[in-house]
Protein backbone atom coordinates (compact mmCIF):
# COMPACT_ATOMS: atom_id res chain seq x y z
CA UNK A 1 140.44 101.75 106.69
CA UNK A 2 137.27 102.05 104.58
CA UNK A 3 135.77 105.43 104.00
CA UNK A 4 132.35 106.40 105.31
CA UNK A 5 130.89 106.65 101.79
CA UNK A 6 132.05 103.11 101.01
CA UNK A 7 130.45 101.79 104.20
CA UNK A 8 127.17 103.55 103.39
CA UNK A 9 127.19 102.10 99.87
CA UNK A 10 127.92 98.64 101.24
CA UNK A 11 125.07 98.76 103.77
CA UNK A 12 122.73 100.26 101.17
CA UNK A 13 123.53 97.36 98.83
CA UNK A 14 122.89 94.87 101.64
CA UNK A 15 119.57 96.53 102.48
CA UNK A 16 118.48 96.54 98.85
CA UNK A 17 119.48 92.88 98.58
CA UNK A 18 117.42 92.06 101.69
CA UNK A 19 114.38 94.22 101.02
CA UNK A 20 114.41 94.55 97.25
CA UNK A 21 113.72 97.52 95.03
CA UNK A 22 110.24 96.99 93.66
CA UNK A 23 108.09 96.88 96.81
CA UNK A 24 106.68 100.39 96.51
CA UNK A 25 106.32 100.10 92.74
CA UNK A 26 104.04 97.07 92.98
CA UNK A 27 100.43 98.10 92.14
CA UNK A 28 98.85 95.84 94.79
CA UNK A 29 101.09 97.14 97.58
CA UNK A 30 100.55 100.71 96.39
CA UNK A 31 96.78 100.29 96.44
CA UNK A 32 96.85 98.69 99.91
CA UNK A 33 99.11 101.46 101.21
CA UNK A 34 96.87 104.13 99.66
CA UNK A 35 93.66 102.66 101.09
CA UNK A 36 95.33 102.27 104.51
CA UNK A 37 96.51 105.88 104.45
CA UNK A 38 93.07 107.16 103.44
CA UNK A 39 91.46 105.13 106.23
CA UNK A 40 93.88 106.58 108.79
CA UNK A 41 93.34 110.13 107.55
CA UNK A 42 89.58 109.58 107.68
CA UNK A 43 89.88 108.28 111.23
CA UNK A 44 91.98 111.29 112.20
CA UNK A 45 89.43 113.70 110.71
CA UNK A 46 86.61 111.83 112.43
CA UNK A 47 88.39 112.09 115.78
CA UNK A 48 89.09 115.79 115.29
CA UNK A 49 85.43 116.45 114.49
CA UNK A 50 83.79 114.21 117.10
CA UNK A 51 86.10 114.25 120.12
CA UNK A 52 86.14 117.67 121.75
CA UNK A 53 88.46 118.56 124.63
CA UNK A 54 86.63 118.29 127.93
CA UNK A 55 87.28 117.47 131.54
CA UNK A 56 84.90 114.48 131.53
CA UNK A 57 86.26 110.97 131.18
CA UNK A 58 85.49 109.03 128.01
CA UNK A 59 84.89 105.26 128.02
CA UNK A 60 87.57 103.37 126.10
CA UNK A 61 86.63 99.74 126.73
CA UNK A 62 83.21 98.26 127.32
CA UNK A 63 82.32 94.79 128.43
CA UNK A 64 78.82 93.33 128.39
CA UNK A 65 79.28 91.80 131.83
CA UNK A 66 81.13 94.57 133.63
CA UNK A 67 80.14 97.66 131.62
CA UNK A 68 82.79 100.33 131.16
CA UNK A 69 86.08 98.83 132.30
CA UNK A 70 88.47 101.60 131.29
CA UNK A 71 87.99 105.31 130.79
CA UNK A 72 90.40 108.07 129.96
CA UNK A 73 90.58 111.74 129.11
CA UNK A 74 89.29 113.13 125.84
CA UNK A 75 92.54 112.26 124.01
CA UNK A 76 92.23 108.54 124.79
CA UNK A 77 90.81 107.55 121.38
CA UNK A 78 93.85 109.10 119.71
CA UNK A 79 95.93 106.31 121.23
CA UNK A 80 93.95 103.85 119.08
CA UNK A 81 95.04 105.82 116.04
CA UNK A 82 98.67 105.92 117.17
CA UNK A 83 98.70 102.18 117.84
CA UNK A 84 97.33 101.41 114.37
CA UNK A 85 99.97 103.66 112.81
CA UNK A 86 102.63 101.75 114.76
CA UNK A 87 101.26 98.34 113.81
CA UNK A 88 100.92 99.50 110.22
CA UNK A 89 104.55 100.56 110.01
CA UNK A 90 105.71 97.27 111.51
CA UNK A 91 103.48 95.22 109.20
CA UNK A 92 104.62 97.09 106.09
CA UNK A 93 108.27 96.58 107.10
CA UNK A 94 107.64 92.86 107.52
CA UNK A 95 105.81 92.74 104.18
CA UNK A 96 108.72 94.60 102.60
CA UNK A 97 111.20 92.06 104.01
CA UNK A 98 109.25 89.10 102.56
CA UNK A 99 108.34 90.73 99.24
CA UNK A 100 111.08 89.18 97.07
CA UNK A 101 110.95 85.77 98.75
CA UNK A 102 107.23 85.15 99.20
CA UNK A 103 105.06 87.71 97.43
CA UNK A 104 101.68 86.25 98.45
CA UNK A 105 102.68 86.32 102.13
CA UNK A 106 103.75 89.92 101.69
CA UNK A 107 100.33 90.80 100.24
CA UNK A 108 98.54 89.06 103.11
CA UNK A 109 100.62 90.83 105.74
CA UNK A 110 99.89 94.16 104.06
CA UNK A 111 96.16 93.32 103.93
CA UNK A 112 96.19 92.75 107.69
CA UNK A 113 96.68 96.51 107.98
CA UNK A 114 93.37 97.08 106.19
CA UNK A 115 91.62 94.69 108.57
CA UNK A 116 93.15 96.37 111.62
CA UNK A 117 92.24 99.83 110.35
CA UNK A 118 88.66 98.73 109.67
CA UNK A 119 88.28 97.23 113.14
CA UNK A 120 89.77 100.34 114.71
CA UNK A 121 87.38 102.60 112.81
CA UNK A 122 84.43 100.52 114.01
CA UNK A 123 85.76 100.54 117.57
CA UNK A 124 86.36 104.28 117.66
CA UNK A 125 82.97 104.94 116.10
CA UNK A 126 81.29 102.80 118.76
CA UNK A 127 83.17 104.57 121.56
CA UNK A 128 82.60 108.11 120.32
CA UNK A 129 79.13 108.07 118.76
CA UNK A 130 77.21 105.10 120.13
CA UNK A 131 78.53 105.19 123.70
CA UNK A 132 77.24 108.70 124.37
């Protein structure tokens, strides 16, 4: 019967074979990850400064035809931030999985995070500043 340490080493070797070792040492991935993290921290600071706790509902989606279609409490815009963090983690894991096989695809998947973060910043800005 194999020991627990041997099993851990075996699965670690399989994971390193699958995902590779140099993903987080690549300068392009590091710069994308850094920019993404700074954008998320900026969005968090913006939400902390602009969205104050209140009992009034806040519009979360707006349609030109129907107007405000969904509103929520003051913490509603924080769900945008949480969803982008979730998508970012998933996208970076996918980029990590493809890094050794197809490096350009890995870069493009990681860049999608920057696009999503930019669109989320614009959306949250429109909902918090321009909608009032």
